[in-house]
Protein backbone atom coordinates (compact mmCIF):
# COMPACT_ATOMS: atom_id res chain seq x y z
CA UNK A 1 -11.88 -28.54 -8.43
CA UNK A 2 -12.26 -29.09 -12.09
CA UNK A 3 -9.14 -27.18 -12.82
CA UNK A 4 -5.96 -26.74 -11.05
CA UNK A 5 -5.85 -23.64 -9.20
CA UNK A 6 -2.09 -23.29 -9.52
CA UNK A 7 -1.70 -24.11 -12.91
CA UNK A 8 -4.63 -21.75 -14.23
CA UNK A 9 -3.13 -19.13 -12.05
CA UNK A 10 0.46 -19.29 -13.43
CA UNK A 11 -1.12 -19.80 -17.00
CA UNK A 12 -3.60 -16.38 -16.36
CA UNK A 13 -1.71 -13.88 -14.80
CA UNK A 14 1.74 -12.14 -14.72
CA UNK A 15 3.70 -11.29 -11.74
CA UNK A 16 3.35 -7.53 -11.57
CA UNK A 17 3.35 -4.87 -9.00
CA UNK A 18 0.42 -2.88 -7.91
CA UNK A 19 0.62 0.52 -8.66
CA UNK A 20 0.58 2.02 -5.19
CA UNK A 21 2.34 -0.94 -3.33
CA UNK A 22 5.52 -1.23 -5.91
CA UNK A 23 7.47 -3.07 -3.22
CA UNK A 24 5.32 -5.68 -3.33
CA UNK A 25 4.88 -8.39 -6.75
CA UNK A 26 1.47 -10.19 -7.13
CA UNK A 27 0.21 -12.47 -9.97
CA UNK A 28 -2.21 -10.53 -11.69
CA UNK A 29 -4.76 -10.93 -14.45
CA UNK A 30 -2.70 -8.45 -16.96
CA UNK A 31 -6.08 -7.76 -19.14
CA UNK A 32 -9.21 -7.16 -16.55
CA UNK A 33 -11.76 -8.30 -19.39
CA UNK A 34 -10.12 -11.45 -20.26
CA UNK A 35 -10.84 -13.12 -16.66
CA UNK A 36 -12.73 -11.02 -14.75
CA UNK A 37 -15.71 -10.56 -17.45
CA UNK A 38 -16.31 -14.25 -17.97
CA UNK A 39 -19.41 -15.22 -18.15
CA UNK A 40 -21.20 -17.19 -14.96
CA UNK A 41 -21.09 -20.08 -17.41
CA UNK A 42 -17.83 -20.29 -18.72
CA UNK A 43 -16.59 -19.88 -14.72
CA UNK A 44 -18.86 -22.61 -13.74
CA UNK A 45 -17.41 -24.88 -16.28
CA UNK A 46 -13.77 -24.33 -15.16
CA UNK A 47 -14.97 -24.93 -11.41
CA UNK A 48 -13.70 -21.05 -10.97
CA UNK A 49 -15.70 -18.81 -8.45
CA UNK A 50 -15.05 -14.55 -9.19
CA UNK A 51 -11.57 -14.22 -9.28
CA UNK A 52 -11.00 -11.40 -6.67
CA UNK A 53 -7.77 -12.83 -6.10
CA UNK A 54 -6.61 -11.95 -9.77
CA UNK A 55 -6.58 -7.73 -8.82
CA UNK A 56 -4.97 -5.69 -6.73
CA UNK A 57 -8.37 -4.04 -5.35
CA UNK A 58 -8.04 -0.19 -4.27
CA UNK A 59 -8.99 -0.53 -0.66
CA UNK A 60 -6.37 -3.63 -0.20
CA UNK A 61 -3.40 -1.22 -2.27
CA UNK A 62 -4.41 1.56 0.02
CA UNK A 63 -4.13 -0.61 3.61
CA UNK A 64 -1.11 -2.45 2.07
CA UNK A 65 0.44 1.20 1.81
CA UNK A 66 -0.89 2.22 5.25
CA UNK A 67 0.85 -0.47 7.04
CA UNK A 68 4.22 -0.48 4.96
CA UNK A 69 4.47 3.20 6.13
CA UNK A 70 3.10 2.08 9.69
CA UNK A 71 5.16 -0.97 10.40
CA UNK A 72 4.70 -0.15 14.16
CA UNK A 73 1.06 -1.17 13.88
CA UNK A 74 1.97 -4.81 12.82
CA UNK A 75 5.65 -5.22 14.13
CA UNK A 76 6.32 -8.79 16.67
CA UNK A 77 2.62 -9.20 16.13
CA UNK A 78 0.24 -11.94 15.09
CA UNK A 79 -1.94 -10.25 11.95
CA UNK A 80 -5.16 -11.79 10.67
CA UNK A 81 -5.64 -10.59 6.79
CA UNK A 82 -9.65 -10.93 6.74
CA UNK A 83 -11.02 -11.54 3.20
CA UNK A 84 -7.31 -11.89 1.74
CA UNK A 85 -8.16 -12.65 -1.87
CA UNK A 86 -4.27 -11.99 -3.53
CA UNK A 87 -2.86 -11.81 -0.18
CA UNK A 88 -1.73 -8.40 -0.62
CA UNK A 89 -2.20 -6.97 2.80
CA UNK A 90 -1.01 -9.69 4.74
CA UNK A 91 2.13 -9.82 2.27
CA UNK A 92 2.78 -6.17 3.28
CA UNK A 93 2.14 -7.11 6.95
CA UNK A 94 5.19 -9.69 6.85
CA UNK A 95 7.64 -7.64 5.20
CA UNK A 96 6.70 -4.47 7.98
CA UNK A 97 7.58 -7.06 10.68
CA UNK A 98 4.69 -9.08 11.61
CA UNK A 99 5.38 -12.15 14.04
CA UNK A 100 3.03 -14.41 11.97
CA UNK A 101 0.44 -13.55 9.78
CA UNK A 102 -2.58 -15.57 8.44
CA UNK A 103 -4.61 -15.05 5.54
CA UNK A 104 -8.05 -15.95 5.65
CA UNK A 105 -10.79 -16.41 2.55
CA UNK A 106 -13.41 -18.69 1.59
CA UNK A 107 -12.65 -18.84 -1.66
CA UNK A 108 -10.64 -22.01 -2.01
CA UNK A 109 -9.07 -20.69 -5.45
CA UNK A 110 -7.29 -17.94 -3.11
CA UNK A 111 -5.22 -20.74 -0.92
CA UNK A 112 -3.19 -21.19 -4.19
CA UNK A 113 -2.79 -17.43 -4.98
CA UNK A 114 -1.82 -16.32 -1.90
CA UNK A 115 0.79 -19.17 -1.63
CA UNK A 116 2.30 -18.00 -4.82
CA UNK A 117 2.30 -14.69 -4.45
CA UNK A 118 3.83 -14.78 -0.48
CA UNK A 119 6.72 -17.04 -2.40
CA UNK A 120 7.30 -14.30 -5.08
CA UNK A 121 8.07 -11.75 -2.17
CA UNK A 122 10.04 -14.23 0.15
CA UNK A 123 7.46 -14.39 3.13
CA UNK A 124 5.25 -17.02 4.49
CA UNK A 125 1.54 -16.47 5.30
CA UNK A 126 -0.34 -19.38 7.02
CA UNK A 127 -3.87 -19.64 5.69
CA UNK A 128 -7.43 -20.49 7.06
CA UNK A 129 -10.26 -21.35 4.37
CA UNK A 130 -12.91 -21.23 7.41
CA UNK A 131 -16.08 -18.72 7.17
CA UNK A 132 -14.13 -16.76 10.98
CA UNK A 133 -17.17 -14.14 10.92
CA UNK A 134 -18.47 -13.71 14.35
CA UNK A 135 -15.91 -16.34 16.00
CA UNK A 136 -13.07 -15.25 18.16
CA UNK A 137 -9.76 -14.01 16.55
CA UNK A 138 -6.62 -15.74 17.65
CA UNK A 139 -4.11 -12.50 16.34
CA UNK A 140 -3.25 -9.27 18.02
CA UNK A 141 -4.71 -7.45 14.69
CA UNK A 142 -7.15 -7.36 12.28
CA UNK A 143 -6.70 -6.18 8.74
CA UNK A 144 -9.42 -6.17 5.85
CA UNK A 145 -9.19 -4.47 2.41
CA UNK A 146 -12.12 -3.84 0.34
CA UNK A 147 -15.00 -5.71 2.38
CA UNK A 148 -17.85 -3.44 2.35
CA UNK A 149 -18.92 -3.85 -1.06
CA UNK A 150 -21.84 -6.06 -0.63
CA UNK A 151 -25.12 -5.36 1.79
CA UNK A 152 -25.17 -9.01 3.56
CA UNK A 153 -21.48 -9.49 3.86
CA UNK A 154 -21.53 -5.90 5.37
CA UNK A 155 -24.46 -6.48 7.89
CA UNK A 156 -22.72 -9.84 8.97
CA UNK A 157 -19.09 -7.84 9.24
CA UNK A 158 -20.12 -4.65 10.97
CA UNK A 159 -21.48 -6.09 14.61
CA UNK A 160 -18.17 -8.64 14.40
CA UNK A 161 -15.69 -5.81 13.83
CA UNK A 162 -17.76 -3.66 16.56
CA UNK A 163 -17.64 -6.85 19.13
CA UNK A 164 -13.63 -7.22 18.30
CA UNK A 165 -12.93 -3.56 18.81
CA UNK A 166 -14.73 -3.23 22.05
CA UNK A 167 -12.86 -5.89 23.14
CA UNK A 168 -9.44 -4.05 22.48
CA UNK A 169 -8.51 -5.77 19.07
CA UNK A 170 -7.38 -3.34 16.42
CA UNK A 171 -9.46 -3.92 13.07
CA UNK A 172 -8.25 -1.99 10.32
CA UNK A 173 -9.78 -1.65 6.74
CA UNK A 174 -8.90 -0.09 3.71
CA UNK A 175 -11.96 0.99 1.69
CA UNK A 176 -12.68 3.00 -1.56
CA UNK A 177 -16.26 4.38 -0.72
CA UNK A 178 -18.19 1.51 -1.23
CA UNK A 179 -22.20 1.29 -0.32
CA UNK A 180 -21.89 -0.11 3.03
CA UNK A 181 -19.20 1.09 4.74
CA UNK A 182 -20.37 2.35 8.22
CA UNK A 183 -18.35 5.55 8.45
CA UNK A 184 -20.19 6.40 12.04
CA UNK A 185 -18.09 3.32 13.23
CA UNK A 186 -14.96 4.21 12.13
CA UNK A 187 -11.56 6.59 13.07
CA UNK A 188 -10.28 8.00 9.93
CA UNK A 189 -6.36 6.95 9.80
CA UNK A 190 -4.92 8.00 6.36
CA UNK A 191 -6.05 8.59 2.58
CA UNK A 192 -4.66 7.72 -0.92
CA UNK A 193 -5.25 8.25 -4.45
CA UNK A 194 -5.25 4.85 -5.77
CA UNK A 195 -4.56 4.00 -9.54
CA UNK A 196 -6.86 1.24 -10.51
CA UNK A 197 -8.75 -0.59 -13.44
CA UNK A 198 -10.92 1.26 -14.95
CA UNK A 199 -12.68 -2.24 -16.27
CA UNK A 200 -13.40 -2.99 -12.91
CA UNK A 201 -14.06 0.44 -11.31
CA UNK A 202 -15.65 3.58 -12.45
CA UNK A 203 -12.58 5.97 -12.62
CA UNK A 204 -9.07 5.29 -13.02
CA UNK A 205 -8.12 6.52 -9.66
CA UNK A 206 -10.04 5.65 -6.45
CA UNK A 207 -9.66 7.65 -3.32
CA UNK A 208 -9.14 5.14 -0.82
CA UNK A 209 -9.25 5.72 2.97
CA UNK A 210 -7.47 3.45 5.92
CA UNK A 211 -10.30 3.21 9.11
CA UNK A 212 -9.95 1.82 12.62
CA UNK A 213 -13.16 0.37 14.00
CA UNK A 214 -14.55 1.74 16.84
CA UNK A 215 -12.97 3.75 20.08
CA UNK A 216 -9.37 3.48 20.89
CA UNK A 217 -6.16 4.59 20.80
CA UNK A 218 -4.76 6.56 17.39
CA UNK A 219 -4.43 4.99 14.45
CA UNK A 220 -0.92 4.97 14.37
CA UNK A 221 -0.56 2.58 17.12
CA UNK A 222 -1.43 -0.67 17.69
CA UNK A 223 -2.70 -0.75 21.18
């Protein structure tokens, strides 16, 4: 890396609580335009992939809220927080009593962001930087916030999530109505009105739904 991730994160973010999950504090970009709207050339110059980890996206906020409100989903269980970003959902799972939480993300910058955010909340999260799509999951439940924003990514995720669900693995997703959400494969769990940053979204409030993949028991039970 051209830039030290921890030093950059500390210098370009502030510790604050996402509006829909005030129990949790994260290192977030306080002004979206300053960090998110850098050009590709500027990002490349400092060796920084698009900083998804610097914002509390609506899908993650909704899913984290659901986990905190329904701790029975994760209590005493091994959790995989897939495409973790800031670690928000994984932190919520740890706070809700998960036995073990692994935050997974292929962006190497997220490892530092997740570690700093976990420390800020007094919890411990493991980290996996490998591409897990299509592979067996060593966990009891999979959580994924805001992952259906890209067609190619969704095309890879849907068969994997579907297979995990068919094998009995609970897979919960939080989504604010992204274009590639496979609604025909989902069971409704809850809906929230989540405040977001207008610079990143098309409104200041995003209706965000928590869904469970595939057949299975009711959303509020992890079995």
